Amino acid sequence: MANLTINGKTIDIDVEADTPLLWAIRENVGLTGTKYGCGIAQCGACTVHIDGVATRSCGVLVSEAVGKQITTIEGLASNGALHKVQQAWINDDVPQCGYCQSGMIMAVAALLKDNPKPTDQDIDDAITNICRCGTFKQVREAIHAAANA
């Protein structure tokens, strides 16, 4: 049994300690916004925030997440208002297929928390998520729009 705090709620889940956090979030908690992409923490589709840090959840064991604050895409908005990155994604019509976008949004939200006015080089250095549709130009535009919101 693991006790996790996800999106501000404490949840007891019955999983092995070595279960990847991604699967606990999706299969046991039912929050499917966090996506499985590669399974080796390279693509970023599974990005969540752990104690405010963008983290690829497929590479984190449940036992490593106990006692930490986990935020998924479902918990990014607050008080019924979208996060400024989510709103920028809508305004700039970023997604094509959309599969990678929840992880991309989570990575960008963490970037803007740490660096409210990133340069293009800052974005290139920090946002290493993969979008197979190639929406990187739209992503960059939405990041700058969110930074100026």
N, C-alpha and C. Protein backbone atom coordinates (compact mmCIF):
# COMPACT_ATOMS: atom_id res chain seq x y z
N MET A 1 0.86 -1.18 0.00
CA MET A 1 0.00 0.00 0.00
C MET A 1 0.90 1.23 0.00
N ALA A 2 0.59 2.17 -0.88
CA ALA A 2 1.33 3.42 -0.95
C ALA A 2 0.37 4.58 -0.71
N ASN A 3 0.86 5.58 -0.02
CA ASN A 3 0.09 6.78 0.26
C ASN A 3 0.69 7.91 -0.57
N LEU A 4 -0.06 8.37 -1.59
CA LEU A 4 0.43 9.41 -2.48
C LEU A 4 -0.45 10.65 -2.37
N THR A 5 0.16 11.81 -2.56
CA THR A 5 -0.59 13.07 -2.60
C THR A 5 -0.56 13.55 -4.05
N ILE A 6 -1.72 13.46 -4.68
CA ILE A 6 -1.85 13.81 -6.09
C ILE A 6 -2.90 14.91 -6.23
N ASN A 7 -2.48 16.02 -6.82
CA ASN A 7 -3.38 17.15 -7.03
C ASN A 7 -4.04 17.59 -5.72
N GLY A 8 -3.26 17.55 -4.65
CA GLY A 8 -3.73 18.02 -3.34
C GLY A 8 -4.55 17.02 -2.55
N LYS A 9 -4.78 15.84 -3.09
CA LYS A 9 -5.57 14.83 -2.39
C LYS A 9 -4.68 13.66 -2.01
N THR A 10 -4.83 13.18 -0.79
CA THR A 10 -4.07 12.02 -0.34
C THR A 10 -4.84 10.77 -0.74
N ILE A 11 -4.12 9.87 -1.39
CA ILE A 11 -4.75 8.67 -1.95
C ILE A 11 -3.93 7.45 -1.53
N ASP A 12 -4.62 6.42 -0.99
CA ASP A 12 -3.97 5.14 -0.71
C ASP A 12 -4.20 4.24 -1.91
N ILE A 13 -3.11 3.71 -2.43
CA ILE A 13 -3.25 2.79 -3.56
C ILE A 13 -2.49 1.51 -3.28
N ASP A 14 -3.04 0.43 -3.75
CA ASP A 14 -2.46 -0.90 -3.52
C ASP A 14 -1.62 -1.28 -4.73
N VAL A 15 -0.33 -0.93 -4.67
CA VAL A 15 0.62 -1.26 -5.73
C VAL A 15 1.94 -1.67 -5.10
N GLU A 16 2.74 -2.35 -5.88
CA GLU A 16 4.09 -2.69 -5.43
C GLU A 16 4.93 -1.43 -5.39
N ALA A 17 5.90 -1.38 -4.51
CA ALA A 17 6.76 -0.21 -4.33
C ALA A 17 7.54 0.13 -5.60
N ASP A 18 7.82 -0.88 -6.43
CA ASP A 18 8.61 -0.65 -7.64
C ASP A 18 7.75 -0.39 -8.88
N THR A 19 6.46 -0.10 -8.67
CA THR A 19 5.59 0.26 -9.78
C THR A 19 5.95 1.66 -10.26
N PRO A 20 6.10 1.86 -11.57
CA PRO A 20 6.33 3.22 -12.06
C PRO A 20 5.15 4.14 -11.68
N LEU A 21 5.48 5.34 -11.25
CA LEU A 21 4.46 6.30 -10.85
C LEU A 21 3.44 6.52 -11.96
N LEU A 22 3.87 6.56 -13.20
CA LEU A 22 2.96 6.73 -14.33
C LEU A 22 1.80 5.76 -14.26
N TRP A 23 2.09 4.49 -14.02
CA TRP A 23 1.03 3.47 -14.02
C TRP A 23 0.13 3.60 -12.81
N ALA A 24 0.68 4.00 -11.67
CA ALA A 24 -0.16 4.22 -10.49
C ALA A 24 -1.14 5.37 -10.76
N ILE A 25 -0.63 6.44 -11.36
CA ILE A 25 -1.48 7.60 -11.68
C ILE A 25 -2.58 7.21 -12.65
N ARG A 26 -2.22 6.52 -13.73
CA ARG A 26 -3.19 6.19 -14.77
C ARG A 26 -4.12 5.04 -14.37
N GLU A 27 -3.54 3.94 -13.97
CA GLU A 27 -4.32 2.72 -13.76
C GLU A 27 -4.98 2.63 -12.39
N ASN A 28 -4.33 3.12 -11.36
CA ASN A 28 -4.88 2.98 -10.02
C ASN A 28 -5.69 4.20 -9.59
N VAL A 29 -5.25 5.38 -9.99
CA VAL A 29 -5.95 6.61 -9.60
C VAL A 29 -6.94 7.03 -10.68
N GLY A 30 -6.70 6.64 -11.92
CA GLY A 30 -7.63 6.93 -13.01
C GLY A 30 -7.45 8.30 -13.66
N LEU A 31 -6.28 8.92 -13.45
CA LEU A 31 -5.99 10.20 -14.08
C LEU A 31 -5.22 9.92 -15.36
N THR A 32 -5.92 9.92 -16.47
CA THR A 32 -5.33 9.46 -17.73
C THR A 32 -4.76 10.59 -18.59
N GLY A 33 -4.72 11.80 -18.08
CA GLY A 33 -4.09 12.89 -18.82
C GLY A 33 -2.60 12.71 -18.96
N THR A 34 -1.99 12.04 -18.00
CA THR A 34 -0.56 11.73 -18.06
C THR A 34 -0.42 10.53 -18.98
N LYS A 35 0.35 10.69 -20.04
CA LYS A 35 0.40 9.68 -21.11
C LYS A 35 1.65 8.81 -21.05
N TYR A 36 1.51 7.60 -21.54
CA TYR A 36 2.65 6.71 -21.75
C TYR A 36 3.16 6.98 -23.15
N GLY A 37 4.46 7.27 -23.25
CA GLY A 37 5.06 7.49 -24.56
C GLY A 37 6.11 6.45 -24.84
N CYS A 38 7.25 6.57 -24.19
CA CYS A 38 8.38 5.71 -24.49
C CYS A 38 8.71 4.72 -23.37
N GLY A 39 8.37 5.05 -22.14
CA GLY A 39 8.67 4.17 -21.01
C GLY A 39 10.09 4.26 -20.51
N ILE A 40 10.91 5.14 -21.10
CA ILE A 40 12.31 5.27 -20.66
C ILE A 40 12.68 6.72 -20.33
N ALA A 41 11.67 7.52 -20.01
CA ALA A 41 11.86 8.91 -19.56
C ALA A 41 12.57 9.79 -20.59
N GLN A 42 12.33 9.53 -21.87
CA GLN A 42 12.96 10.31 -22.92
C GLN A 42 12.00 11.27 -23.61
N CYS A 43 10.76 10.86 -23.84
CA CYS A 43 9.86 11.66 -24.68
C CYS A 43 9.13 12.76 -23.94
N GLY A 44 8.83 12.58 -22.67
CA GLY A 44 8.17 13.60 -21.87
C GLY A 44 6.66 13.55 -21.85
N ALA A 45 6.03 12.60 -22.52
CA ALA A 45 4.57 12.53 -22.53
C ALA A 45 4.00 12.30 -21.13
N CYS A 46 4.80 11.72 -20.26
CA CYS A 46 4.35 11.38 -18.90
C CYS A 46 4.74 12.43 -17.85
N THR A 47 5.14 13.61 -18.28
CA THR A 47 5.63 14.62 -17.34
C THR A 47 4.56 15.07 -16.36
N VAL A 48 4.92 15.06 -15.08
CA VAL A 48 4.13 15.59 -13.98
C VAL A 48 5.05 16.48 -13.16
N HIS A 49 4.50 17.17 -12.19
CA HIS A 49 5.34 17.92 -11.25
C HIS A 49 5.43 17.12 -9.96
N ILE A 50 6.63 16.94 -9.49
CA ILE A 50 6.85 16.33 -8.17
C ILE A 50 7.56 17.39 -7.35
N ASP A 51 6.88 17.82 -6.30
CA ASP A 51 7.36 18.94 -5.48
C ASP A 51 7.75 20.13 -6.35
N GLY A 52 6.93 20.38 -7.38
CA GLY A 52 7.11 21.54 -8.24
C GLY A 52 8.09 21.39 -9.37
N VAL A 53 8.73 20.24 -9.48
CA VAL A 53 9.74 20.01 -10.51
C VAL A 53 9.16 19.12 -11.60
N ALA A 54 9.30 19.53 -12.86
CA ALA A 54 8.84 18.70 -13.98
C ALA A 54 9.63 17.40 -13.98
N THR A 55 8.90 16.28 -13.92
CA THR A 55 9.51 14.97 -13.78
C THR A 55 8.80 13.98 -14.68
N ARG A 56 9.55 13.15 -15.33
CA ARG A 56 8.97 12.12 -16.21
C ARG A 56 8.58 10.93 -15.35
N SER A 57 7.29 10.76 -15.19
CA SER A 57 6.75 9.82 -14.20
C SER A 57 6.99 8.36 -14.53
N CYS A 58 7.31 8.03 -15.78
CA CYS A 58 7.59 6.63 -16.10
C CYS A 58 8.92 6.19 -15.49
N GLY A 59 9.77 7.14 -15.14
CA GLY A 59 11.08 6.83 -14.57
C GLY A 59 11.15 6.98 -13.07
N VAL A 60 10.01 7.16 -12.42
CA VAL A 60 9.96 7.33 -10.97
C VAL A 60 9.15 6.18 -10.38
N LEU A 61 9.68 5.55 -9.36
CA LEU A 61 8.95 4.48 -8.68
C LEU A 61 7.97 5.08 -7.68
N VAL A 62 6.88 4.39 -7.45
CA VAL A 62 5.90 4.84 -6.47
C VAL A 62 6.58 5.09 -5.12
N SER A 63 7.49 4.20 -4.72
CA SER A 63 8.17 4.35 -3.43
C SER A 63 8.96 5.65 -3.34
N GLU A 64 9.41 6.17 -4.48
CA GLU A 64 10.17 7.43 -4.50
C GLU A 64 9.25 8.65 -4.43
N ALA A 65 7.96 8.46 -4.69
CA ALA A 65 7.01 9.57 -4.73
C ALA A 65 6.23 9.72 -3.43
N VAL A 66 6.33 8.76 -2.55
CA VAL A 66 5.61 8.83 -1.28
C VAL A 66 6.12 10.04 -0.49
N GLY A 67 5.18 10.81 0.06
CA GLY A 67 5.54 11.98 0.85
C GLY A 67 5.81 13.23 0.04
N LYS A 68 5.63 13.15 -1.26
CA LYS A 68 5.88 14.30 -2.13
C LYS A 68 4.56 14.77 -2.72
N GLN A 69 4.55 16.02 -3.15
CA GLN A 69 3.38 16.61 -3.80
C GLN A 69 3.46 16.35 -5.30
N ILE A 70 2.49 15.62 -5.81
CA ILE A 70 2.45 15.28 -7.24
C ILE A 70 1.32 16.08 -7.88
N THR A 71 1.63 16.74 -8.98
CA THR A 71 0.60 17.46 -9.73
C THR A 71 0.58 16.91 -11.14
N THR A 72 -0.61 16.54 -11.60
CA THR A 72 -0.80 16.06 -12.96
C THR A 72 -1.48 17.17 -13.77
N ILE A 73 -1.64 16.95 -15.04
CA ILE A 73 -2.31 17.92 -15.90
C ILE A 73 -3.71 18.22 -15.37
N GLU A 74 -4.37 17.25 -14.78
CA GLU A 74 -5.71 17.45 -14.23
C GLU A 74 -5.70 18.42 -13.05
N GLY A 75 -4.57 18.57 -12.39
CA GLY A 75 -4.48 19.45 -11.23
C GLY A 75 -3.81 20.78 -11.50
N LEU A 76 -3.47 21.06 -12.75
CA LEU A 76 -2.73 22.28 -13.07
C LEU A 76 -3.62 23.52 -12.97
N ALA A 77 -4.84 23.44 -13.45
CA ALA A 77 -5.77 24.56 -13.34
C ALA A 77 -6.13 24.76 -11.87
N SER A 78 -6.50 25.99 -11.51
CA SER A 78 -6.90 26.22 -10.12
C SER A 78 -8.13 27.12 -10.05
N ASN A 79 -8.99 26.83 -9.10
CA ASN A 79 -10.21 27.61 -8.88
C ASN A 79 -11.03 27.77 -10.15
N GLY A 80 -11.09 26.73 -10.96
CA GLY A 80 -11.89 26.76 -12.17
C GLY A 80 -11.30 27.52 -13.34
N ALA A 81 -10.07 28.04 -13.16
CA ALA A 81 -9.42 28.80 -14.23
C ALA A 81 -8.23 28.00 -14.77
N LEU A 82 -8.13 27.96 -16.08
CA LEU A 82 -6.99 27.27 -16.68
C LEU A 82 -5.69 27.95 -16.29
N HIS A 83 -4.63 27.18 -16.22
CA HIS A 83 -3.29 27.72 -16.03
C HIS A 83 -2.96 28.54 -17.27
N LYS A 84 -2.13 29.56 -17.14
CA LYS A 84 -1.83 30.43 -18.29
C LYS A 84 -1.20 29.66 -19.45
N VAL A 85 -0.50 28.57 -19.17
CA VAL A 85 0.06 27.75 -20.25
C VAL A 85 -1.06 27.01 -20.98
N GLN A 86 -2.00 26.46 -20.24
CA GLN A 86 -3.13 25.79 -20.88
C GLN A 86 -3.90 26.77 -21.76
N GLN A 87 -4.11 27.98 -21.27
CA GLN A 87 -4.84 28.97 -22.04
C GLN A 87 -4.07 29.38 -23.29
N ALA A 88 -2.75 29.52 -23.16
CA ALA A 88 -1.92 29.85 -24.33
C ALA A 88 -1.98 28.74 -25.37
N TRP A 89 -2.03 27.49 -24.92
CA TRP A 89 -2.12 26.35 -25.84
C TRP A 89 -3.40 26.44 -26.66
N ILE A 90 -4.49 26.82 -26.00
CA ILE A 90 -5.77 26.96 -26.70
C ILE A 90 -5.72 28.16 -27.64
N ASN A 91 -5.27 29.28 -27.12
CA ASN A 91 -5.24 30.51 -27.92
C ASN A 91 -4.38 30.37 -29.17
N ASP A 92 -3.24 29.67 -29.05
CA ASP A 92 -2.31 29.52 -30.17
C ASP A 92 -2.56 28.24 -30.97
N ASP A 93 -3.61 27.49 -30.62
CA ASP A 93 -3.98 26.27 -31.34
C ASP A 93 -2.77 25.36 -31.53
N VAL A 94 -2.11 25.04 -30.42
CA VAL A 94 -0.86 24.28 -30.47
C VAL A 94 -1.02 22.83 -30.89
N PRO A 95 -1.92 22.05 -30.28
CA PRO A 95 -1.92 20.61 -30.55
C PRO A 95 -2.35 20.24 -31.96
N GLN A 96 -1.77 19.16 -32.44
CA GLN A 96 -2.30 18.51 -33.64
C GLN A 96 -2.97 17.24 -33.14
N CYS A 97 -2.23 16.17 -32.95
CA CYS A 97 -2.87 14.96 -32.41
C CYS A 97 -3.14 15.13 -30.93
N GLY A 98 -2.29 15.90 -30.23
CA GLY A 98 -2.50 16.21 -28.83
C GLY A 98 -1.91 15.23 -27.84
N TYR A 99 -1.41 14.10 -28.30
CA TYR A 99 -0.97 13.06 -27.38
C TYR A 99 0.12 13.54 -26.42
N CYS A 100 1.09 14.25 -26.90
CA CYS A 100 2.22 14.68 -26.07
C CYS A 100 1.93 15.94 -25.28
N GLN A 101 0.83 16.59 -25.56
CA GLN A 101 0.63 17.96 -25.08
C GLN A 101 0.50 18.09 -23.57
N SER A 102 -0.10 17.14 -22.88
CA SER A 102 -0.21 17.29 -21.42
C SER A 102 1.18 17.30 -20.79
N GLY A 103 2.07 16.43 -21.25
CA GLY A 103 3.43 16.43 -20.74
C GLY A 103 4.18 17.69 -21.12
N MET A 104 3.95 18.17 -22.33
CA MET A 104 4.59 19.41 -22.79
C MET A 104 4.12 20.58 -21.94
N ILE A 105 2.83 20.67 -21.69
CA ILE A 105 2.27 21.75 -20.87
C ILE A 105 2.87 21.71 -19.47
N MET A 106 2.98 20.53 -18.90
CA MET A 106 3.54 20.41 -17.55
C MET A 106 5.00 20.86 -17.52
N ALA A 107 5.76 20.51 -18.54
CA ALA A 107 7.17 20.93 -18.61
C ALA A 107 7.26 22.45 -18.75
N VAL A 108 6.40 23.03 -19.57
CA VAL A 108 6.42 24.48 -19.79
C VAL A 108 5.98 25.22 -18.53
N ALA A 109 4.97 24.72 -17.85
CA ALA A 109 4.52 25.37 -16.61
C ALA A 109 5.65 25.42 -15.59
N ALA A 110 6.43 24.35 -15.49
CA ALA A 110 7.57 24.33 -14.57
C ALA A 110 8.65 25.31 -15.03
N LEU A 111 8.90 25.36 -16.33
CA LEU A 111 9.89 26.31 -16.85
C LEU A 111 9.50 27.74 -16.49
N LEU A 112 8.25 28.12 -16.73
CA LEU A 112 7.82 29.49 -16.48
C LEU A 112 7.78 29.82 -14.99
N LYS A 113 7.59 28.82 -14.15
CA LYS A 113 7.65 29.06 -12.71
C LYS A 113 9.07 29.45 -12.31
N ASP A 114 10.04 28.77 -12.89
CA ASP A 114 11.45 29.03 -12.56
C ASP A 114 12.05 30.18 -13.37
N ASN A 115 11.53 30.39 -14.58
CA ASN A 115 12.08 31.40 -15.48
C ASN A 115 10.90 32.08 -16.19
N PRO A 116 10.33 33.12 -15.59
CA PRO A 116 9.11 33.72 -16.12
C PRO A 116 9.24 34.34 -17.52
N LYS A 117 10.43 34.67 -17.95
CA LYS A 117 10.62 35.28 -19.27
C LYS A 117 11.74 34.56 -20.02
N PRO A 118 11.52 33.32 -20.42
CA PRO A 118 12.59 32.56 -21.06
C PRO A 118 12.92 33.06 -22.46
N THR A 119 14.18 32.96 -22.81
CA THR A 119 14.62 33.24 -24.18
C THR A 119 14.39 31.98 -25.01
N ASP A 120 14.56 32.11 -26.31
CA ASP A 120 14.46 30.91 -27.16
C ASP A 120 15.49 29.87 -26.74
N GLN A 121 16.69 30.29 -26.35
CA GLN A 121 17.71 29.34 -25.91
C GLN A 121 17.29 28.67 -24.62
N ASP A 122 16.69 29.42 -23.68
CA ASP A 122 16.19 28.83 -22.44
C ASP A 122 15.15 27.76 -22.74
N ILE A 123 14.28 28.05 -23.69
CA ILE A 123 13.23 27.09 -24.08
C ILE A 123 13.88 25.85 -24.69
N ASP A 124 14.83 26.04 -25.59
CA ASP A 124 15.51 24.90 -26.21
C ASP A 124 16.20 24.03 -25.16
N ASP A 125 16.81 24.66 -24.16
CA ASP A 125 17.53 23.93 -23.13
C ASP A 125 16.59 23.18 -22.18
N ALA A 126 15.43 23.78 -21.87
CA ALA A 126 14.56 23.22 -20.85
C ALA A 126 13.48 22.28 -21.38
N ILE A 127 12.98 22.56 -22.56
CA ILE A 127 11.85 21.78 -23.07
C ILE A 127 12.38 20.75 -24.07
N THR A 128 12.59 19.56 -23.56
CA THR A 128 13.15 18.48 -24.38
C THR A 128 12.09 17.43 -24.72
N ASN A 129 10.84 17.74 -24.46
CA ASN A 129 9.76 16.83 -24.79
C ASN A 129 9.69 16.65 -26.30
N ILE A 130 9.23 15.49 -26.72
CA ILE A 130 9.13 15.18 -28.14
C ILE A 130 7.68 15.29 -28.59
N CYS A 131 7.48 15.99 -29.69
CA CYS A 131 6.18 16.08 -30.35
C CYS A 131 6.36 15.48 -31.74
N ARG A 132 5.77 14.34 -31.98
CA ARG A 132 5.94 13.68 -33.27
C ARG A 132 5.23 14.42 -34.40
N CYS A 133 4.25 15.27 -34.05
CA CYS A 133 3.57 16.07 -35.08
C CYS A 133 4.40 17.29 -35.48
N GLY A 134 5.41 17.62 -34.68
CA GLY A 134 6.28 18.73 -35.02
C GLY A 134 5.71 20.10 -34.71
N THR A 135 4.99 20.23 -33.61
CA THR A 135 4.37 21.53 -33.28
C THR A 135 5.32 22.45 -32.52
N PHE A 136 6.60 22.27 -32.68
CA PHE A 136 7.57 23.03 -31.89
C PHE A 136 7.48 24.53 -32.11
N LYS A 137 7.18 24.97 -33.33
CA LYS A 137 7.04 26.40 -33.60
C LYS A 137 5.85 26.96 -32.81
N GLN A 138 4.73 26.26 -32.83
CA GLN A 138 3.56 26.70 -32.08
C GLN A 138 3.82 26.65 -30.57
N VAL A 139 4.55 25.63 -30.13
CA VAL A 139 4.89 25.51 -28.71
C VAL A 139 5.69 26.74 -28.29
N ARG A 140 6.71 27.09 -29.04
CA ARG A 140 7.54 28.25 -28.70
C ARG A 140 6.69 29.53 -28.65
N GLU A 141 5.81 29.70 -29.61
CA GLU A 141 4.95 30.89 -29.64
C GLU A 141 4.04 30.91 -28.41
N ALA A 142 3.50 29.77 -28.04
CA ALA A 142 2.60 29.69 -26.88
C ALA A 142 3.38 29.94 -25.57
N ILE A 143 4.63 29.48 -25.51
CA ILE A 143 5.45 29.72 -24.32
C ILE A 143 5.65 31.22 -24.16
N HIS A 144 6.01 31.90 -25.24
CA HIS A 144 6.21 33.35 -25.15
C HIS A 144 4.90 34.07 -24.82
N ALA A 145 3.79 33.61 -25.36
CA ALA A 145 2.49 34.21 -25.05
C ALA A 145 2.15 34.02 -23.57
N ALA A 146 2.38 32.82 -23.05
CA ALA A 146 2.11 32.56 -21.63
C ALA A 146 3.03 33.41 -20.75
N ALA A 147 4.27 33.56 -21.17
CA ALA A 147 5.22 34.38 -20.38
C ALA A 147 4.79 35.84 -20.34
N ASN A 148 4.09 36.29 -21.37
CA ASN A 148 3.65 37.67 -21.42
C ASN A 148 2.22 37.87 -20.90
N ALA A 149 1.58 36.78 -20.49
CA ALA A 149 0.19 36.86 -20.00
C ALA A 149 0.12 37.43 -18.60
